[in-house]
Amino acid sequence: MRDEAERTRLMIKALIAIVVVLGLIVIYLLVAQPAYNNALNQAGYSGFGQGINYTINSILSSIQTKGYVQIPLGNNRTLILVPYVPSNATAQAASSGNKTA
């Protein structure tokens, strides 16, 4: 009789432990993991935006100091960026096209 009571208590303790472990797994999957992934995504997007800003500022700085910048595209191709300065004829044509009578 005593063995059966101890066996029943042990079985109840094992079932409680299983329920607690499963509950912790569910809480982790529904709360902790999405919050962690969200924090990682936000940090990644922030770094991505900072990288874009750094690259654009670096290109603009090179254009201002050297007057041009070369960007290698691969396959023996290079993109050369220079500041755009409209000529007087182009500027006059554009401004006269905007006038209305």
PDB file of N, CA and C in Angstrom:
ATOM      1  N   MET A   1       0.824  -1.185   0.000  1.00  0.00           N
ATOM      2  CA  MET A   1       0.000   0.000   0.000  1.00  0.00           C
ATOM      3  C   MET A   1       0.871   1.252   0.000  1.00  0.00           C
ATOM      4  N   ARG A   2       1.944   1.192   0.790  1.00  0.00           N
ATOM      5  CA  ARG A   2       2.828   2.352   0.877  1.00  0.00           C
ATOM      6  C   ARG A   2       3.566   2.565  -0.430  1.00  0.00           C
ATOM      7  N   ASP A   3       3.971   1.473  -1.107  1.00  0.00           N
ATOM      8  CA  ASP A   3       4.643   1.587  -2.395  1.00  0.00           C
ATOM      9  C   ASP A   3       3.736   2.230  -3.438  1.00  0.00           C
ATOM     10  N   GLU A   4       2.469   1.856  -3.411  1.00  0.00           N
ATOM     11  CA  GLU A   4       1.539   2.435  -4.383  1.00  0.00           C
ATOM     12  C   GLU A   4       1.342   3.919  -4.129  1.00  0.00           C
ATOM     13  N   ALA A   5       1.301   4.367  -2.910  1.00  0.00           N
ATOM     14  CA  ALA A   5       1.139   5.779  -2.586  1.00  0.00           C
ATOM     15  C   ALA A   5       2.368   6.569  -3.034  1.00  0.00           C
ATOM     16  N   GLU A   6       3.547   5.996  -2.770  1.00  0.00           N
ATOM     17  CA  GLU A   6       4.774   6.671  -3.207  1.00  0.00           C
ATOM     18  C   GLU A   6       4.866   6.699  -4.734  1.00  0.00           C
ATOM     19  N   ARG A   7       4.463   5.608  -5.345  1.00  0.00           N
ATOM     20  CA  ARG A   7       4.490   5.554  -6.813  1.00  0.00           C
ATOM     21  C   ARG A   7       3.520   6.578  -7.400  1.00  0.00           C
ATOM     22  N   THR A   8       2.359   6.732  -6.784  1.00  0.00           N
ATOM     23  CA  THR A   8       1.381   7.713  -7.262  1.00  0.00           C
ATOM     24  C   THR A   8       1.922   9.126  -7.086  1.00  0.00           C
ATOM     25  N   ARG A   9       2.520   9.425  -5.951  1.00  0.00           N
ATOM     26  CA  ARG A   9       3.103  10.756  -5.717  1.00  0.00           C
ATOM     27  C   ARG A   9       4.229  11.040  -6.723  1.00  0.00           C
ATOM     28  N   LEU A  10       5.056  10.036  -6.959  1.00  0.00           N
ATOM     29  CA  LEU A  10       6.148  10.194  -7.921  1.00  0.00           C
ATOM     30  C   LEU A  10       5.594  10.443  -9.321  1.00  0.00           C
ATOM     31  N   MET A  11       4.547   9.744  -9.693  1.00  0.00           N
ATOM     32  CA  MET A  11       3.920   9.931 -10.999  1.00  0.00           C
ATOM     33  C   MET A  11       3.326  11.331 -11.106  1.00  0.00           C
ATOM     34  N   ILE A  12       2.700  11.814 -10.054  1.00  0.00           N
ATOM     35  CA  ILE A  12       2.116  13.158 -10.055  1.00  0.00           C
ATOM     36  C   ILE A  12       3.218  14.204 -10.171  1.00  0.00           C
ATOM     37  N   LYS A  13       4.310  14.023  -9.442  1.00  0.00           N
ATOM     38  CA  LYS A  13       5.434  14.965  -9.532  1.00  0.00           C
ATOM     39  C   LYS A  13       6.026  14.970 -10.943  1.00  0.00           C
ATOM     40  N   ALA A  14       6.152  13.803 -11.562  1.00  0.00           N
ATOM     41  CA  ALA A  14       6.686  13.722 -12.925  1.00  0.00           C
ATOM     42  C   ALA A  14       5.761  14.428 -13.909  1.00  0.00           C
ATOM     43  N   LEU A  15       4.455  14.220 -13.764  1.00  0.00           N
ATOM     44  CA  LEU A  15       3.491  14.885 -14.650  1.00  0.00           C
ATOM     45  C   LEU A  15       3.515  16.393 -14.455  1.00  0.00           C
ATOM     46  N   ILE A  16       3.649  16.859 -13.210  1.00  0.00           N
ATOM     47  CA  ILE A  16       3.732  18.299 -12.939  1.00  0.00           C
ATOM     48  C   ILE A  16       5.001  18.871 -13.583  1.00  0.00           C
ATOM     49  N   ALA A  17       6.104  18.144 -13.476  1.00  0.00           N
ATOM     50  CA  ALA A  17       7.355  18.601 -14.083  1.00  0.00           C
ATOM     51  C   ALA A  17       7.219  18.691 -15.603  1.00  0.00           C
ATOM     52  N   ILE A  18       6.558  17.712 -16.211  1.00  0.00           N
ATOM     53  CA  ILE A  18       6.349  17.728 -17.657  1.00  0.00           C
ATOM     54  C   ILE A  18       5.488  18.916 -18.060  1.00  0.00           C
ATOM     55  N   VAL A  19       4.417  19.180 -17.307  1.00  0.00           N
ATOM     56  CA  VAL A  19       3.534  20.314 -17.603  1.00  0.00           C
ATOM     57  C   VAL A  19       4.293  21.627 -17.460  1.00  0.00           C
ATOM     58  N   VAL A  20       5.119  21.755 -16.431  1.00  0.00           N
ATOM     59  CA  VAL A  20       5.898  22.988 -16.239  1.00  0.00           C
ATOM     60  C   VAL A  20       6.871  23.187 -17.391  1.00  0.00           C
ATOM     61  N   VAL A  21       7.574  22.141 -17.796  1.00  0.00           N
ATOM     62  CA  VAL A  21       8.530  22.242 -18.902  1.00  0.00           C
ATOM     63  C   VAL A  21       7.806  22.614 -20.195  1.00  0.00           C
ATOM     64  N   LEU A  22       6.689  21.974 -20.480  1.00  0.00           N
ATOM     65  CA  LEU A  22       5.925  22.308 -21.683  1.00  0.00           C
ATOM     66  C   LEU A  22       5.398  23.739 -21.631  1.00  0.00           C
ATOM     67  N   GLY A  23       4.969  24.182 -20.447  1.00  0.00           N
ATOM     68  CA  GLY A  23       4.523  25.572 -20.296  1.00  0.00           C
ATOM     69  C   GLY A  23       5.636  26.562 -20.564  1.00  0.00           C
ATOM     70  N   LEU A  24       6.831  26.266 -20.060  1.00  0.00           N
ATOM     71  CA  LEU A  24       7.979  27.139 -20.322  1.00  0.00           C
ATOM     72  C   LEU A  24       8.326  27.180 -21.808  1.00  0.00           C
ATOM     73  N   ILE A  25       8.216  26.046 -22.483  1.00  0.00           N
ATOM     74  CA  ILE A  25       8.483  26.010 -23.923  1.00  0.00           C
ATOM     75  C   ILE A  25       7.473  26.867 -24.679  1.00  0.00           C
ATOM     76  N   VAL A  26       6.205  26.756 -24.302  1.00  0.00           N
ATOM     77  CA  VAL A  26       5.164  27.562 -24.962  1.00  0.00           C
ATOM     78  C   VAL A  26       5.391  29.044 -24.708  1.00  0.00           C
ATOM     79  N   ILE A  27       5.717  29.414 -23.489  1.00  0.00           N
ATOM     80  CA  ILE A  27       5.977  30.828 -23.177  1.00  0.00           C
ATOM     81  C   ILE A  27       7.177  31.324 -23.984  1.00  0.00           C
ATOM     82  N   TYR A  28       8.213  30.518 -24.091  1.00  0.00           N
ATOM     83  CA  TYR A  28       9.383  30.915 -24.867  1.00  0.00           C
ATOM     84  C   TYR A  28       9.007  31.137 -26.335  1.00  0.00           C
ATOM     85  N   LEU A  29       8.248  30.194 -26.908  1.00  0.00           N
ATOM     86  CA  LEU A  29       7.898  30.288 -28.324  1.00  0.00           C
ATOM     87  C   LEU A  29       6.941  31.434 -28.621  1.00  0.00           C
ATOM     88  N   LEU A  30       6.066  31.768 -27.687  1.00  0.00           N
ATOM     89  CA  LEU A  30       5.061  32.803 -27.947  1.00  0.00           C
ATOM     90  C   LEU A  30       5.483  34.197 -27.493  1.00  0.00           C
ATOM     91  N   VAL A  31       6.407  34.299 -26.541  1.00  0.00           N
ATOM     92  CA  VAL A  31       6.761  35.612 -25.991  1.00  0.00           C
ATOM     93  C   VAL A  31       8.233  35.951 -26.206  1.00  0.00           C
ATOM     94  N   ALA A  32       9.101  35.131 -25.686  1.00  0.00           N
ATOM     95  CA  ALA A  32      10.528  35.474 -25.670  1.00  0.00           C
ATOM     96  C   ALA A  32      11.143  35.459 -27.067  1.00  0.00           C
ATOM     97  N   GLN A  33      10.896  34.434 -27.852  1.00  0.00           N
ATOM     98  CA  GLN A  33      11.513  34.336 -29.169  1.00  0.00           C
ATOM     99  C   GLN A  33      11.052  35.448 -30.111  1.00  0.00           C
ATOM    100  N   PRO A  34       9.752  35.784 -30.225  1.00  0.00           N
ATOM    101  CA  PRO A  34       9.362  36.903 -31.088  1.00  0.00           C
ATOM    102  C   PRO A  34       9.955  38.239 -30.625  1.00  0.00           C
ATOM    103  N   ALA A  35      10.040  38.465 -29.337  1.00  0.00           N
ATOM    104  CA  ALA A  35      10.633  39.709 -28.845  1.00  0.00           C
ATOM    105  C   ALA A  35      12.115  39.776 -29.204  1.00  0.00           C
ATOM    106  N   TYR A  36      12.808  38.659 -29.063  1.00  0.00           N
ATOM    107  CA  TYR A  36      14.234  38.603 -29.402  1.00  0.00           C
ATOM    108  C   TYR A  36      14.435  38.826 -30.903  1.00  0.00           C
ATOM    109  N   ASN A  37      13.626  38.165 -31.728  1.00  0.00           N
ATOM    110  CA  ASN A  37      13.738  38.328 -33.174  1.00  0.00           C
ATOM    111  C   ASN A  37      13.428  39.760 -33.592  1.00  0.00           C
ATOM    112  N   ASN A  38      12.448  40.382 -32.964  1.00  0.00           N
ATOM    113  CA  ASN A  38      12.099  41.768 -33.267  1.00  0.00           C
ATOM    114  C   ASN A  38      13.265  42.693 -32.939  1.00  0.00           C
ATOM    115  N   ALA A  39      13.911  42.469 -31.813  1.00  0.00           N
ATOM    116  CA  ALA A  39      15.064  43.293 -31.442  1.00  0.00           C
ATOM    117  C   ALA A  39      16.205  43.110 -32.442  1.00  0.00           C
ATOM    118  N   LEU A  40      16.439  41.889 -32.888  1.00  0.00           N
ATOM    119  CA  LEU A  40      17.484  41.637 -33.883  1.00  0.00           C
ATOM    120  C   LEU A  40      17.157  42.310 -35.209  1.00  0.00           C
ATOM    121  N   ASN A  41      15.897  42.234 -35.631  1.00  0.00           N
ATOM    122  CA  ASN A  41      15.498  42.874 -36.886  1.00  0.00           C
ATOM    123  C   ASN A  41      15.674  44.380 -36.812  1.00  0.00           C
ATOM    124  N   GLN A  42      15.272  44.979 -35.705  1.00  0.00           N
ATOM    125  CA  GLN A  42      15.417  46.427 -35.565  1.00  0.00           C
ATOM    126  C   GLN A  42      16.883  46.836 -35.618  1.00  0.00           C
ATOM    127  N   ALA A  43      17.733  46.078 -34.966  1.00  0.00           N
ATOM    128  CA  ALA A  43      19.163  46.389 -34.987  1.00  0.00           C
ATOM    129  C   ALA A  43      19.724  46.221 -36.394  1.00  0.00           C
ATOM    130  N   GLY A  44      19.284  45.205 -37.106  1.00  0.00           N
ATOM    131  CA  GLY A  44      19.751  44.975 -38.469  1.00  0.00           C
ATOM    132  C   GLY A  44      19.328  46.079 -39.407  1.00  0.00           C
ATOM    133  N   TYR A  45      18.059  46.506 -39.317  1.00  0.00           N
ATOM    134  CA  TYR A  45      17.579  47.577 -40.189  1.00  0.00           C
ATOM    135  C   TYR A  45      18.263  48.889 -39.862  1.00  0.00           C
ATOM    136  N   SER A  46      18.540  49.111 -38.600  1.00  0.00           N
ATOM    137  CA  SER A  46      19.241  50.331 -38.202  1.00  0.00           C
ATOM    138  C   SER A  46      20.636  50.347 -38.798  1.00  0.00           C
ATOM    139  N   GLY A  47      21.342  49.234 -38.709  1.00  0.00           N
ATOM    140  CA  GLY A  47      22.676  49.145 -39.293  1.00  0.00           C
ATOM    141  C   GLY A  47      22.647  49.277 -40.799  1.00  0.00           C
ATOM    142  N   PHE A  48      21.615  48.719 -41.435  1.00  0.00           N
ATOM    143  CA  PHE A  48      21.477  48.815 -42.885  1.00  0.00           C
ATOM    144  C   PHE A  48      21.300  50.271 -43.303  1.00  0.00           C
ATOM    145  N   GLY A  49      20.446  51.008 -42.593  1.00  0.00           N
ATOM    146  CA  GLY A  49      20.235  52.424 -42.896  1.00  0.00           C
ATOM    147  C   GLY A  49      21.495  53.241 -42.672  1.00  0.00           C
ATOM    148  N   GLN A  50      22.217  52.952 -41.618  1.00  0.00           N
ATOM    149  CA  GLN A  50      23.463  53.665 -41.352  1.00  0.00           C
ATOM    150  C   GLN A  50      24.490  53.382 -42.434  1.00  0.00           C
ATOM    151  N   GLY A  51      24.527  52.162 -42.938  1.00  0.00           N
ATOM    152  CA  GLY A  51      25.455  51.809 -44.013  1.00  0.00           C
ATOM    153  C   GLY A  51      25.136  52.562 -45.293  1.00  0.00           C
ATOM    154  N   ILE A  52      23.856  52.677 -45.607  1.00  0.00           N
ATOM    155  CA  ILE A  52      23.451  53.432 -46.797  1.00  0.00           C
ATOM    156  C   ILE A  52      23.841  54.888 -46.649  1.00  0.00           C
ATOM    157  N   ASN A  53      23.548  55.474 -45.502  1.00  0.00           N
ATOM    158  CA  ASN A  53      23.897  56.880 -45.279  1.00  0.00           C
ATOM    159  C   ASN A  53      25.402  57.099 -45.365  1.00  0.00           C
ATOM    160  N   TYR A  54      26.184  56.211 -44.787  1.00  0.00           N
ATOM    161  CA  TYR A  54      27.637  56.333 -44.826  1.00  0.00           C
ATOM    162  C   TYR A  54      28.140  56.258 -46.264  1.00  0.00           C
ATOM    163  N   THR A  55      27.602  55.324 -47.049  1.00  0.00           N
ATOM    164  CA  THR A  55      28.032  55.156 -48.430  1.00  0.00           C
ATOM    165  C   THR A  55      27.701  56.386 -49.261  1.00  0.00           C
ATOM    166  N   ILE A  56      26.494  56.901 -49.146  1.00  0.00           N
ATOM    167  CA  ILE A  56      26.101  58.082 -49.919  1.00  0.00           C
ATOM    168  C   ILE A  56      26.931  59.288 -49.510  1.00  0.00           C
ATOM    169  N   ASN A  57      27.130  59.476 -48.221  1.00  0.00           N
ATOM    170  CA  ASN A  57      27.947  60.611 -47.761  1.00  0.00           C
ATOM    171  C   ASN A  57      29.387  60.486 -48.230  1.00  0.00           C
ATOM    172  N   SER A  58      29.919  59.272 -48.265  1.00  0.00           N
ATOM    173  CA  SER A  58      31.276  59.053 -48.746  1.00  0.00           C
ATOM    174  C   SER A  58      31.387  59.384 -50.232  1.00  0.00           C
ATOM    175  N   ILE A  59      30.411  58.969 -51.021  1.00  0.00           N
ATOM    176  CA  ILE A  59      30.413  59.275 -52.454  1.00  0.00           C
ATOM    177  C   ILE A  59      30.320  60.778 -52.680  1.00  0.00           C
ATOM    178  N   LEU A  60      29.401  61.443 -51.974  1.00  0.00           N
ATOM    179  CA  LEU A  60      29.254  62.895 -52.140  1.00  0.00           C
ATOM    180  C   LEU A  60      30.506  63.640 -51.695  1.00  0.00           C
ATOM    181  N   SER A  61      31.127  63.184 -50.635  1.00  0.00           N
ATOM    182  CA  SER A  61      32.356  63.812 -50.163  1.00  0.00           C
ATOM    183  C   SER A  61      33.473  63.674 -51.199  1.00  0.00           C
ATOM    184  N   SER A  62      33.584  62.492 -51.803  1.00  0.00           N
ATOM    185  CA  SER A  62      34.611  62.284 -52.834  1.00  0.00           C
ATOM    186  C   SER A  62      34.353  63.157 -54.047  1.00  0.00           C
ATOM    187  N   ILE A  63      33.103  63.302 -54.430  1.00  0.00           N
ATOM    188  CA  ILE A  63      32.773  64.160 -55.579  1.00  0.00           C
ATOM    189  C   ILE A  63      33.125  65.604 -55.269  1.00  0.00           C
ATOM    190  N   GLN A  64      32.862  66.054 -54.054  1.00  0.00           N
ATOM    191  CA  GLN A  64      33.155  67.445 -53.690  1.00  0.00           C
ATOM    192  C   GLN A  64      34.656  67.700 -53.612  1.00  0.00           C
ATOM    193  N   THR A  65      35.433  66.739 -53.127  1.00  0.00           N
ATOM    194  CA  THR A  65      36.869  66.985 -52.970  1.00  0.00           C
ATOM    195  C   THR A  65      37.634  66.748 -54.265  1.00  0.00           C
ATOM    196  N   LYS A  66      37.353  65.656 -54.989  1.00  0.00           N
ATOM    197  CA  LYS A  66      38.094  65.330 -56.201  1.00  0.00           C
ATOM    198  C   LYS A  66      37.432  65.861 -57.468  1.00  0.00           C
ATOM    199  N   GLY A  67      36.131  66.080 -57.415  1.00  0.00           N
ATOM    200  CA  GLY A  67      35.400  66.483 -58.611  1.00  0.00           C
ATOM    201  C   GLY A  67      34.760  65.303 -59.319  1.00  0.00           C
ATOM    202  N   TYR A  68      35.070  64.104 -58.913  1.00  0.00           N
ATOM    203  CA  TYR A  68      34.484  62.903 -59.507  1.00  0.00           C
ATOM    204  C   TYR A  68      34.678  61.745 -58.526  1.00  0.00           C
ATOM    205  N   VAL A  69      34.012  60.638 -58.798  1.00  0.00           N
ATOM    206  CA  VAL A  69      34.234  59.404 -58.043  1.00  0.00           C
ATOM    207  C   VAL A  69      34.042  58.239 -59.014  1.00  0.00           C
ATOM    208  N   GLN A  70      34.909  57.233 -58.901  1.00  0.00           N
ATOM    209  CA  GLN A  70      34.811  56.036 -59.738  1.00  0.00           C
ATOM    210  C   GLN A  70      34.285  54.892 -58.896  1.00  0.00           C
ATOM    211  N   ILE A  71      33.264  54.222 -59.411  1.00  0.00           N
ATOM    212  CA  ILE A  71      32.685  53.073 -58.717  1.00  0.00           C
ATOM    213  C   ILE A  71      32.844  51.860 -59.631  1.00  0.00           C
ATOM    214  N   PRO A  72      33.658  50.880 -59.253  1.00  0.00           N
ATOM    215  CA  PRO A  72      33.826  49.695 -60.103  1.00  0.00           C
ATOM    216  C   PRO A  72      32.560  48.838 -60.092  1.00  0.00           C
ATOM    217  N   LEU A  73      32.133  48.426 -61.296  1.00  0.00           N
ATOM    218  CA  LEU A  73      30.921  47.618 -61.427  1.00  0.00           C
ATOM    219  C   LEU A  73      31.224  46.162 -61.758  1.00  0.00           C
ATOM    220  N   GLY A  74      32.486  45.853 -62.038  1.00  0.00           N
ATOM    221  CA  GLY A  74      32.856  44.496 -62.408  1.00  0.00           C
ATOM    222  C   GLY A  74      32.883  44.355 -63.914  1.00  0.00           C
ATOM    223  N   ASN A  75      33.439  43.252 -64.401  1.00  0.00           N
ATOM    224  CA  ASN A  75      33.565  42.984 -65.829  1.00  0.00           C
ATOM    225  C   ASN A  75      34.238  44.143 -66.558  1.00  0.00           C
ATOM    226  N   ASN A  76      35.277  44.705 -65.945  1.00  0.00           N
ATOM    227  CA  ASN A  76      36.037  45.815 -66.522  1.00  0.00           C
ATOM    228  C   ASN A  76      35.161  47.028 -66.837  1.00  0.00           C
ATOM    229  N   ARG A  77      34.151  47.261 -66.023  1.00  0.00           N
ATOM    230  CA  ARG A  77      33.288  48.434 -66.192  1.00  0.00           C
ATOM    231  C   ARG A  77      33.414  49.300 -64.945  1.00  0.00           C
ATOM    232  N   THR A  78      33.366  50.613 -65.150  1.00  0.00           N
ATOM    233  CA  THR A  78      33.464  51.560 -64.048  1.00  0.00           C
ATOM    234  C   THR A  78      32.427  52.656 -64.248  1.00  0.00           C
ATOM    235  N   LEU A  79      31.748  52.998 -63.178  1.00  0.00           N
ATOM    236  CA  LEU A  79      30.795  54.102 -63.199  1.00  0.00           C
ATOM    237  C   LEU A  79      31.519  55.332 -62.661  1.00  0.00           C
ATOM    238  N   ILE A  80      31.499  56.422 -63.420  1.00  0.00           N
ATOM    239  CA  ILE A  80      32.149  57.659 -62.999  1.00  0.00           C
ATOM    240  C   ILE A  80      31.059  58.687 -62.740  1.00  0.00           C
ATOM    241  N   LEU A  81      31.030  59.195 -61.518  1.00  0.00           N
ATOM    242  CA  LEU A  81      30.044  60.203 -61.135  1.00  0.00           C
ATOM    243  C   LEU A  81      30.729  61.551 -61.021  1.00  0.00           C
ATOM    244  N   VAL A  82      30.114  62.576 -61.616  1.00  0.00           N
ATOM    245  CA  VAL A  82      30.629  63.945 -61.553  1.00  0.00           C
ATOM    246  C   VAL A  82      29.477  64.851 -61.176  1.00  0.00           C
ATOM    247  N   PRO A  83      29.761  66.047 -60.661  1.00  0.00           N
ATOM    248  CA  PRO A  83      28.669  66.971 -60.341  1.00  0.00           C
ATOM    249  C   PRO A  83      27.975  67.441 -61.614  1.00  0.00           C
ATOM    250  N   TYR A  84      26.692  67.613 -61.541  1.00  0.00           N
ATOM    251  CA  TYR A  84      25.903  68.075 -62.688  1.00  0.00           C
ATOM    252  C   TYR A  84      25.857  69.593 -62.664  1.00  0.00           C
ATOM    253  N   VAL A  85      26.340  70.204 -63.759  1.00  0.00           N
ATOM    254  CA  VAL A  85      26.292  71.662 -63.904  1.00  0.00           C
ATOM    255  C   VAL A  85      25.591  71.933 -65.226  1.00  0.00           C
ATOM    256  N   PRO A  86      24.342  72.411 -65.190  1.00  0.00           N
ATOM    257  CA  PRO A  86      23.629  72.654 -66.448  1.00  0.00           C
ATOM    258  C   PRO A  86      24.270  73.815 -67.206  1.00  0.00           C
ATOM    259  N   SER A  87      24.323  73.670 -68.538  1.00  0.00           N
ATOM    260  CA  SER A  87      24.857  74.762 -69.341  1.00  0.00           C
ATOM    261  C   SER A  87      23.813  75.865 -69.455  1.00  0.00           C
ATOM    262  N   ASN A  88      24.234  77.049 -69.905  1.00  0.00           N
ATOM    263  CA  ASN A  88      23.307  78.178 -70.020  1.00  0.00           C
ATOM    264  C   ASN A  88      22.210  77.897 -71.027  1.00  0.00           C
ATOM    265  N   ALA A  89      22.535  77.261 -72.152  1.00  0.00           N
ATOM    266  CA  ALA A  89      21.530  76.973 -73.173  1.00  0.00           C
ATOM    267  C   ALA A  89      20.479  76.019 -72.619  1.00  0.00           C
ATOM    268  N   THR A  90      20.920  75.007 -71.890  1.00  0.00           N
ATOM    269  CA  THR A  90      19.974  74.054 -71.316  1.00  0.00           C
ATOM    270  C   THR A  90      19.123  74.732 -70.257  1.00  0.00           C
ATOM    271  N   ALA A  91      19.736  75.564 -69.440  1.00  0.00           N
ATOM    272  CA  ALA A  91      18.997  76.256 -68.388  1.00  0.00           C
ATOM    273  C   ALA A  91      18.004  77.237 -68.986  1.00  0.00           C
ATOM    274  N   GLN A  92      18.394  77.942 -70.060  1.00  0.00           N
ATOM    275  CA  GLN A  92      17.483  78.891 -70.692  1.00  0.00           C
ATOM    276  C   GLN A  92      16.329  78.174 -71.353  1.00  0.00           C
ATOM    277  N   ALA A  93      16.598  77.044 -72.012  1.00  0.00           N
ATOM    278  CA  ALA A  93      15.537  76.280 -72.673  1.00  0.00           C
ATOM    279  C   ALA A  93      14.551  75.741 -71.625  1.00  0.00           C
ATOM    280  N   ALA A  94      15.078  75.310 -70.523  1.00  0.00           N
ATOM    281  CA  ALA A  94      14.204  74.781 -69.495  1.00  0.00           C
ATOM    282  C   ALA A  94      13.369  75.890 -68.877  1.00  0.00           C
ATOM    283  N   SER A  95      13.967  77.057 -68.663  1.00  0.00           N
ATOM    284  CA  SER A  95      13.204  78.146 -68.066  1.00  0.00           C
ATOM    285  C   SER A  95      12.215  78.736 -69.048  1.00  0.00           C
ATOM    286  N   SER A  96      12.540  78.807 -70.353  1.00  0.00           N
ATOM    287  CA  SER A  96      11.591  79.366 -71.327  1.00  0.00           C
ATOM    288  C   SER A  96      10.453  78.391 -71.571  1.00  0.00           C
ATOM    289  N   GLY A  97      10.680  77.114 -71.411  1.00  0.00           N
ATOM    290  CA  GLY A  97       9.620  76.143 -71.586  1.00  0.00           C
ATOM    291  C   GLY A  97       8.616  76.201 -70.451  1.00  0.00           C
ATOM    292  N   ASN A  98       9.003  76.723 -69.315  1.00  0.00           N
ATOM    293  CA  ASN A  98       8.113  76.802 -68.166  1.00  0.00           C
ATOM    294  C   ASN A  98       7.253  78.062 -68.179  1.00  0.00           C
ATOM    295  N   LYS A  99       7.567  79.056 -69.048  1.00  0.00           N
ATOM    296  CA  LYS A  99       6.820  80.307 -69.078  1.00  0.00           C
ATOM    297  C   LYS A  99       5.493  80.103 -69.786  1.00  0.00           C
ATOM    298  N   THR A 100       4.466  80.763 -69.298  1.00  0.00           N
ATOM    299  CA  THR A 100       3.164  80.718 -69.935  1.00  0.00           C
ATOM    300  C   THR A 100       2.808  82.118 -70.410  1.00  0.00           C
ATOM    301  N   ALA A 101       2.052  82.216 -71.503  1.00  0.00           N
ATOM    302  CA  ALA A 101       1.701  83.524 -72.057  1.00  0.00           C
ATOM    303  C   ALA A 101       0.499  84.097 -71.393  1.00  0.00           C
TER     304      ALA A 101
END
